[in-house]
């Protein structure tokens, strides 16, 4: 899909229908800043496996920081917030929200384009998942530095669904492995039948197929 600017040049739209990001091994802040910028430009983003996000600093240090945050509340009426989310997906959602003006109409519309999940629920388990290279821990954090996993921190501060997510993820990985094995089996069978068929035809026909890119 292309649009035309006033001078007649064609501009190609930059958006995919939806981008699914596999959060495993990403640093929380770097991932959140990248996703926030994409949301503000109009891209729809789905973040899966939020429980596998990494945070710099030891688990003990991050627990202390979150304990300080959990004490903060509205003195006259704590129901007014701030709200202390325990789930990894909600923590990611809040981190992204903090990187944009979410109370404006533009920021509110951007946040509506975001979805975040623990695990990989349907239909996103059948879709291609992306990574954000500039947010990966392996490329950004110096070897030997301490880090912790967001799912472990969430469990320590009150998230109660880690075992359920782990069970569902094991089932999903088993399904994915079975599907991949079946695809490899079919590919080997196709290759073998192709070789057998090529052995049965004449040299002239084989040369013609090779010339036109069919063999």
C-alpha atoms as a PDB file:
ATOM      1  CA  UNK A   1       0.000   0.000   0.000  1.00  0.00           C
ATOM      2  CA  UNK A   2       1.462   3.362  -1.012  1.00  0.00           C
ATOM      3  CA  UNK A   3       0.391   6.983  -0.693  1.00  0.00           C
ATOM      4  CA  UNK A   4       1.410  10.067  -2.666  1.00  0.00           C
ATOM      5  CA  UNK A   5       2.880  13.214  -1.161  1.00  0.00           C
ATOM      6  CA  UNK A   6       2.101  16.652  -2.722  1.00  0.00           C
ATOM      7  CA  UNK A   7       5.135  16.599  -5.022  1.00  0.00           C
ATOM      8  CA  UNK A   8       4.110  13.306  -6.581  1.00  0.00           C
ATOM      9  CA  UNK A   9       6.670  11.051  -4.892  1.00  0.00           C
ATOM     10  CA  UNK A  10       5.427   7.736  -3.545  1.00  0.00           C
ATOM     11  CA  UNK A  11       5.725   7.033   0.177  1.00  0.00           C
ATOM     12  CA  UNK A  12       5.479   3.441   1.366  1.00  0.00           C
ATOM     13  CA  UNK A  13       3.629   2.928   4.636  1.00  0.00           C
ATOM     14  CA  UNK A  14       5.883   1.698   7.451  1.00  0.00           C
ATOM     15  CA  UNK A  15       3.387  -0.373   9.423  1.00  0.00           C
ATOM     16  CA  UNK A  16       2.795  -4.071   9.698  1.00  0.00           C
ATOM     17  CA  UNK A  17      -0.676  -5.239  10.691  1.00  0.00           C
ATOM     18  CA  UNK A  18       0.709  -6.319  14.052  1.00  0.00           C
ATOM     19  CA  UNK A  19       4.213  -6.973  15.380  1.00  0.00           C
ATOM     20  CA  UNK A  20       4.613  -9.808  17.909  1.00  0.00           C
ATOM     21  CA  UNK A  21       7.684  -9.407  20.133  1.00  0.00           C
ATOM     22  CA  UNK A  22       9.144 -12.340  22.062  1.00  0.00           C
ATOM     23  CA  UNK A  23      10.327 -10.635  25.269  1.00  0.00           C
ATOM     24  CA  UNK A  24      12.626 -13.451  26.387  1.00  0.00           C
ATOM     25  CA  UNK A  25      16.124 -12.183  27.138  1.00  0.00           C
ATOM     26  CA  UNK A  26      15.317  -8.472  26.654  1.00  0.00           C
ATOM     27  CA  UNK A  27      16.128  -5.733  29.164  1.00  0.00           C
ATOM     28  CA  UNK A  28      12.982  -4.158  30.567  1.00  0.00           C
ATOM     29  CA  UNK A  29      13.786  -0.471  30.124  1.00  0.00           C
ATOM     30  CA  UNK A  30      15.346  -0.731  26.678  1.00  0.00           C
ATOM     31  CA  UNK A  31      12.486  -2.884  25.403  1.00  0.00           C
ATOM     32  CA  UNK A  32       9.878  -0.528  26.869  1.00  0.00           C
ATOM     33  CA  UNK A  33      11.421   2.571  25.272  1.00  0.00           C
ATOM     34  CA  UNK A  34      11.566   0.935  21.824  1.00  0.00           C
ATOM     35  CA  UNK A  35       7.995  -0.338  22.051  1.00  0.00           C
ATOM     36  CA  UNK A  36       6.740   3.060  23.273  1.00  0.00           C
ATOM     37  CA  UNK A  37       8.227   4.800  20.241  1.00  0.00           C
ATOM     38  CA  UNK A  38       6.650   2.264  17.864  1.00  0.00           C
ATOM     39  CA  UNK A  39       3.250   2.662  19.532  1.00  0.00           C
ATOM     40  CA  UNK A  40       3.384   6.447  19.222  1.00  0.00           C
ATOM     41  CA  UNK A  41       4.072   6.170  15.481  1.00  0.00           C
ATOM     42  CA  UNK A  42       0.951   4.027  15.019  1.00  0.00           C
ATOM     43  CA  UNK A  43       2.269   0.455  15.067  1.00  0.00           C
ATOM     44  CA  UNK A  44       0.293  -2.257  16.856  1.00  0.00           C
ATOM     45  CA  UNK A  45       2.535  -4.315  19.138  1.00  0.00           C
ATOM     46  CA  UNK A  46       1.945  -7.562  21.037  1.00  0.00           C
ATOM     47  CA  UNK A  47       4.503  -8.544  23.693  1.00  0.00           C
ATOM     48  CA  UNK A  48       4.555 -12.234  24.678  1.00  0.00           C
ATOM     49  CA  UNK A  49       6.571 -14.179  27.286  1.00  0.00           C
ATOM     50  CA  UNK A  50       6.785 -11.114  29.536  1.00  0.00           C
ATOM     51  CA  UNK A  51       7.826 -13.347  32.441  1.00  0.00           C
ATOM     52  CA  UNK A  52      11.178 -13.982  30.675  1.00  0.00           C
ATOM     53  CA  UNK A  53      12.204 -10.292  30.606  1.00  0.00           C
ATOM     54  CA  UNK A  54      15.495  -9.451  32.332  1.00  0.00           C
ATOM     55  CA  UNK A  55      16.197  -6.566  34.699  1.00  0.00           C
ATOM     56  CA  UNK A  56      19.696  -5.323  35.510  1.00  0.00           C
ATOM     57  CA  UNK A  57      20.704  -5.671  39.134  1.00  0.00           C
ATOM     58  CA  UNK A  58      20.388  -8.597  41.517  1.00  0.00           C
ATOM     59  CA  UNK A  59      17.047 -10.042  42.576  1.00  0.00           C
ATOM     60  CA  UNK A  60      17.616  -8.808  46.144  1.00  0.00           C
ATOM     61  CA  UNK A  61      18.212  -5.228  44.984  1.00  0.00           C
ATOM     62  CA  UNK A  62      15.142  -5.208  42.738  1.00  0.00           C
ATOM     63  CA  UNK A  63      12.988  -6.660  45.509  1.00  0.00           C
ATOM     64  CA  UNK A  64      14.050  -3.795  47.782  1.00  0.00           C
ATOM     65  CA  UNK A  65      13.210  -1.245  45.084  1.00  0.00           C
ATOM     66  CA  UNK A  66       9.788  -2.796  44.469  1.00  0.00           C
ATOM     67  CA  UNK A  67       9.121  -2.981  48.229  1.00  0.00           C
ATOM     68  CA  UNK A  68       9.707   0.777  48.422  1.00  0.00           C
ATOM     69  CA  UNK A  69       7.277   1.280  45.539  1.00  0.00           C
ATOM     70  CA  UNK A  70       4.591  -0.889  47.167  1.00  0.00           C
ATOM     71  CA  UNK A  71       4.571   1.353  50.232  1.00  0.00           C
ATOM     72  CA  UNK A  72       3.575   4.396  48.165  1.00  0.00           C
ATOM     73  CA  UNK A  73      -0.161   5.107  48.188  1.00  0.00           C
ATOM     74  CA  UNK A  74      -2.699   7.919  48.352  1.00  0.00           C
ATOM     75  CA  UNK A  75      -2.775   8.894  52.004  1.00  0.00           C
ATOM     76  CA  UNK A  76      -6.442   9.870  52.157  1.00  0.00           C
ATOM     77  CA  UNK A  77      -7.781   7.048  49.971  1.00  0.00           C
ATOM     78  CA  UNK A  78      -5.431   4.235  48.837  1.00  0.00           C
ATOM     79  CA  UNK A  79      -8.027   3.088  46.266  1.00  0.00           C
ATOM     80  CA  UNK A  80      -7.016   6.042  44.126  1.00  0.00           C
ATOM     81  CA  UNK A  81      -3.551   4.608  43.529  1.00  0.00           C
ATOM     82  CA  UNK A  82      -0.816   4.197  42.682  1.00  0.00           C
ATOM     83  CA  UNK A  83      -1.618   0.586  41.843  1.00  0.00           C
ATOM     84  CA  UNK A  84       1.090  -1.999  42.406  1.00  0.00           C
ATOM     85  CA  UNK A  85       0.801  -4.583  39.653  1.00  0.00           C
ATOM     86  CA  UNK A  86       2.308  -7.989  40.419  1.00  0.00           C
ATOM     87  CA  UNK A  87       2.049  -9.719  37.033  1.00  0.00           C
ATOM     88  CA  UNK A  88       5.004  -9.446  34.600  1.00  0.00           C
ATOM     89  CA  UNK A  89       2.786  -8.347  31.707  1.00  0.00           C
ATOM     90  CA  UNK A  90       1.259  -5.567  33.804  1.00  0.00           C
ATOM     91  CA  UNK A  91       4.719  -4.475  34.983  1.00  0.00           C
ATOM     92  CA  UNK A  92       5.824  -4.221  31.349  1.00  0.00           C
ATOM     93  CA  UNK A  93       2.632  -2.362  30.478  1.00  0.00           C
ATOM     94  CA  UNK A  94       3.291   0.174  33.244  1.00  0.00           C
ATOM     95  CA  UNK A  95       6.945   0.609  32.187  1.00  0.00           C
ATOM     96  CA  UNK A  96       5.849   1.384  28.610  1.00  0.00           C
ATOM     97  CA  UNK A  97       3.102   3.707  29.836  1.00  0.00           C
ATOM     98  CA  UNK A  98       5.661   5.672  31.845  1.00  0.00           C
ATOM     99  CA  UNK A  99       7.583   6.464  28.659  1.00  0.00           C
ATOM    100  CA  UNK A 100       4.790   8.400  26.952  1.00  0.00           C
ATOM    101  CA  UNK A 101       2.220  11.062  27.765  1.00  0.00           C
ATOM    102  CA  UNK A 102      -0.509   8.526  28.367  1.00  0.00           C
ATOM    103  CA  UNK A 103      -3.073  11.067  29.598  1.00  0.00           C
ATOM    104  CA  UNK A 104      -3.197  12.887  26.264  1.00  0.00           C
ATOM    105  CA  UNK A 105      -5.375  11.663  23.416  1.00  0.00           C
ATOM    106  CA  UNK A 106      -2.298  10.640  21.397  1.00  0.00           C
ATOM    107  CA  UNK A 107      -0.767   8.708  24.284  1.00  0.00           C
ATOM    108  CA  UNK A 108      -4.075   7.062  25.181  1.00  0.00           C
ATOM    109  CA  UNK A 109      -4.559   5.933  21.562  1.00  0.00           C
ATOM    110  CA  UNK A 110      -0.989   4.579  21.540  1.00  0.00           C
ATOM    111  CA  UNK A 111      -1.563   2.509  24.685  1.00  0.00           C
ATOM    112  CA  UNK A 112      -4.642   0.955  23.093  1.00  0.00           C
ATOM    113  CA  UNK A 113      -2.366  -0.486  20.388  1.00  0.00           C
ATOM    114  CA  UNK A 114      -0.391  -2.452  23.001  1.00  0.00           C
ATOM    115  CA  UNK A 115      -1.061  -5.963  24.282  1.00  0.00           C
ATOM    116  CA  UNK A 116       1.169  -7.818  26.739  1.00  0.00           C
ATOM    117  CA  UNK A 117       0.908 -11.435  27.878  1.00  0.00           C
ATOM    118  CA  UNK A 118       2.647 -13.984  30.027  1.00  0.00           C
ATOM    119  CA  UNK A 119       3.427 -17.037  27.907  1.00  0.00           C
ATOM    120  CA  UNK A 120       2.371 -17.197  24.251  1.00  0.00           C
ATOM    121  CA  UNK A 121      -1.432 -17.459  24.031  1.00  0.00           C
ATOM    122  CA  UNK A 122      -3.376 -18.202  20.856  1.00  0.00           C
ATOM    123  CA  UNK A 123      -3.401 -16.925  18.146  1.00  0.00           C
ATOM    124  CA  UNK A 124       0.089 -15.489  18.672  1.00  0.00           C
ATOM    125  CA  UNK A 125       1.633 -18.956  19.082  1.00  0.00           C
ATOM    126  CA  UNK A 126       1.078 -19.441  15.329  1.00  0.00           C
ATOM    127  CA  UNK A 127       2.512 -16.056  14.323  1.00  0.00           C
ATOM    128  CA  UNK A 128       6.090 -15.038  13.608  1.00  0.00           C
ATOM    129  CA  UNK A 129       7.757 -13.547  16.683  1.00  0.00           C
ATOM    130  CA  UNK A 130      10.381 -10.800  16.534  1.00  0.00           C
ATOM    131  CA  UNK A 131      13.193  -9.621  18.803  1.00  0.00           C
ATOM    132  CA  UNK A 132      14.559  -6.111  19.417  1.00  0.00           C
ATOM    133  CA  UNK A 133      18.354  -6.373  18.898  1.00  0.00           C
ATOM    134  CA  UNK A 134      19.178  -3.106  20.678  1.00  0.00           C
ATOM    135  CA  UNK A 135      17.306  -4.285  23.791  1.00  0.00           C
ATOM    136  CA  UNK A 136      18.781  -7.792  24.154  1.00  0.00           C
ATOM    137  CA  UNK A 137      20.643  -8.410  27.398  1.00  0.00           C
ATOM    138  CA  UNK A 138      23.324 -10.462  25.648  1.00  0.00           C
ATOM    139  CA  UNK A 139      24.303  -7.426  23.540  1.00  0.00           C
ATOM    140  CA  UNK A 140      23.836  -4.675  26.126  1.00  0.00           C
ATOM    141  CA  UNK A 141      24.852  -6.004  29.551  1.00  0.00           C
ATOM    142  CA  UNK A 142      28.535  -6.562  30.258  1.00  0.00           C
ATOM    143  CA  UNK A 143      29.396 -10.214  31.079  1.00  0.00           C
ATOM    144  CA  UNK A 144      29.540 -10.815  34.815  1.00  0.00           C
ATOM    145  CA  UNK A 145      27.027  -8.115  35.700  1.00  0.00           C
ATOM    146  CA  UNK A 146      24.091  -9.200  37.840  1.00  0.00           C
ATOM    147  CA  UNK A 147      20.575  -9.423  36.488  1.00  0.00           C
ATOM    148  CA  UNK A 148      17.287 -11.060  37.431  1.00  0.00           C
ATOM    149  CA  UNK A 149      14.212 -12.383  35.627  1.00  0.00           C
ATOM    150  CA  UNK A 150      10.957 -10.450  35.828  1.00  0.00           C
ATOM    151  CA  UNK A 151       8.870 -13.594  36.399  1.00  0.00           C
ATOM    152  CA  UNK A 152      10.924 -14.478  39.491  1.00  0.00           C
ATOM    153  CA  UNK A 153      10.586 -10.944  40.865  1.00  0.00           C
ATOM    154  CA  UNK A 154       6.830 -11.020  40.252  1.00  0.00           C
ATOM    155  CA  UNK A 155       6.504 -14.306  42.122  1.00  0.00           C
ATOM    156  CA  UNK A 156       8.453 -12.849  45.044  1.00  0.00           C
ATOM    157  CA  UNK A 157       6.133  -9.831  45.328  1.00  0.00           C
ATOM    158  CA  UNK A 158       2.810 -11.663  45.013  1.00  0.00           C
ATOM    159  CA  UNK A 159       2.210 -13.032  41.479  1.00  0.00           C
ATOM    160  CA  UNK A 160       0.558 -16.447  41.855  1.00  0.00           C
ATOM    161  CA  UNK A 161       0.342 -17.804  38.312  1.00  0.00           C
ATOM    162  CA  UNK A 162       3.951 -18.723  37.510  1.00  0.00           C
ATOM    163  CA  UNK A 163       3.300 -22.482  37.765  1.00  0.00           C
ATOM    164  CA  UNK A 164       0.234 -22.277  35.496  1.00  0.00           C
ATOM    165  CA  UNK A 165       2.131 -20.267  32.862  1.00  0.00           C
ATOM    166  CA  UNK A 166       5.042 -22.725  33.047  1.00  0.00           C
ATOM    167  CA  UNK A 167       2.708 -25.691  32.478  1.00  0.00           C
ATOM    168  CA  UNK A 168       1.016 -24.023  29.486  1.00  0.00           C
ATOM    169  CA  UNK A 169       4.393 -23.091  28.004  1.00  0.00           C
ATOM    170  CA  UNK A 170       5.623 -26.688  28.255  1.00  0.00           C
ATOM    171  CA  UNK A 171       2.530 -27.869  26.379  1.00  0.00           C
ATOM    172  CA  UNK A 172       3.016 -25.188  23.705  1.00  0.00           C
ATOM    173  CA  UNK A 173       6.675 -26.104  23.211  1.00  0.00           C
ATOM    174  CA  UNK A 174       5.733 -29.782  22.852  1.00  0.00           C
ATOM    175  CA  UNK A 175       3.197 -28.874  20.154  1.00  0.00           C
ATOM    176  CA  UNK A 176       5.736 -26.679  18.366  1.00  0.00           C
ATOM    177  CA  UNK A 177       8.336 -29.457  18.431  1.00  0.00           C
ATOM    178  CA  UNK A 178       5.881 -31.995  17.011  1.00  0.00           C
ATOM    179  CA  UNK A 179       4.927 -29.565  14.229  1.00  0.00           C
ATOM    180  CA  UNK A 180       8.578 -28.827  13.398  1.00  0.00           C
ATOM    181  CA  UNK A 181       9.425 -32.543  13.300  1.00  0.00           C
ATOM    182  CA  UNK A 182       6.509 -33.189  10.928  1.00  0.00           C
ATOM    183  CA  UNK A 183       7.595 -30.315   8.663  1.00  0.00           C
ATOM    184  CA  UNK A 184      11.172 -31.660   8.490  1.00  0.00           C
ATOM    185  CA  UNK A 185       9.849 -35.142   7.728  1.00  0.00           C
ATOM    186  CA  UNK A 186       7.715 -33.830   4.865  1.00  0.00           C
ATOM    187  CA  UNK A 187      10.633 -31.789   3.519  1.00  0.00           C
ATOM    188  CA  UNK A 188      12.917 -34.843   3.472  1.00  0.00           C
ATOM    189  CA  UNK A 189      10.213 -36.900   1.736  1.00  0.00           C
ATOM    190  CA  UNK A 190       9.725 -34.172  -0.889  1.00  0.00           C
ATOM    191  CA  UNK A 191      13.466 -33.968  -1.533  1.00  0.00           C
ATOM    192  CA  UNK A 192      13.758 -37.755  -1.864  1.00  0.00           C
ATOM    193  CA  UNK A 193      10.818 -37.964  -4.303  1.00  0.00           C
ATOM    194  CA  UNK A 194      12.299 -35.102  -6.329  1.00  0.00           C
ATOM    195  CA  UNK A 195      15.648 -36.897  -6.627  1.00  0.00           C
ATOM    196  CA  UNK A 196      13.889 -40.135  -7.615  1.00  0.00           C
ATOM    197  CA  UNK A 197      11.833 -38.346 -10.257  1.00  0.00           C
ATOM    198  CA  UNK A 198      14.902 -36.616 -11.704  1.00  0.00           C
ATOM    199  CA  UNK A 199      16.566 -40.020 -12.116  1.00  0.00           C
ATOM    200  CA  UNK A 200      13.725 -41.260 -14.302  1.00  0.00           C
ATOM    201  CA  UNK A 201      13.724 -38.491 -16.919  1.00  0.00           C
ATOM    202  CA  UNK A 202      16.025 -38.017 -19.896  1.00  0.00           C
ATOM    203  CA  UNK A 203      19.109 -35.830 -19.886  1.00  0.00           C
ATOM    204  CA  UNK A 204      17.471 -33.374 -22.322  1.00  0.00           C
ATOM    205  CA  UNK A 205      14.425 -32.914 -20.114  1.00  0.00           C
ATOM    206  CA  UNK A 206      16.629 -32.583 -17.043  1.00  0.00           C
ATOM    207  CA  UNK A 207      18.689 -29.854 -18.738  1.00  0.00           C
ATOM    208  CA  UNK A 208      15.510 -27.984 -19.698  1.00  0.00           C
ATOM    209  CA  UNK A 209      14.238 -28.127 -16.086  1.00  0.00           C
ATOM    210  CA  UNK A 210      17.563 -26.864 -14.743  1.00  0.00           C
ATOM    211  CA  UNK A 211      17.611 -24.036 -17.305  1.00  0.00           C
ATOM    212  CA  UNK A 212      14.169 -22.812 -16.211  1.00  0.00           C
ATOM    213  CA  UNK A 213      14.877 -23.201 -12.489  1.00  0.00           C
ATOM    214  CA  UNK A 214      12.649 -26.220 -11.782  1.00  0.00           C
ATOM    215  CA  UNK A 215      15.422 -28.570 -10.663  1.00  0.00           C
END
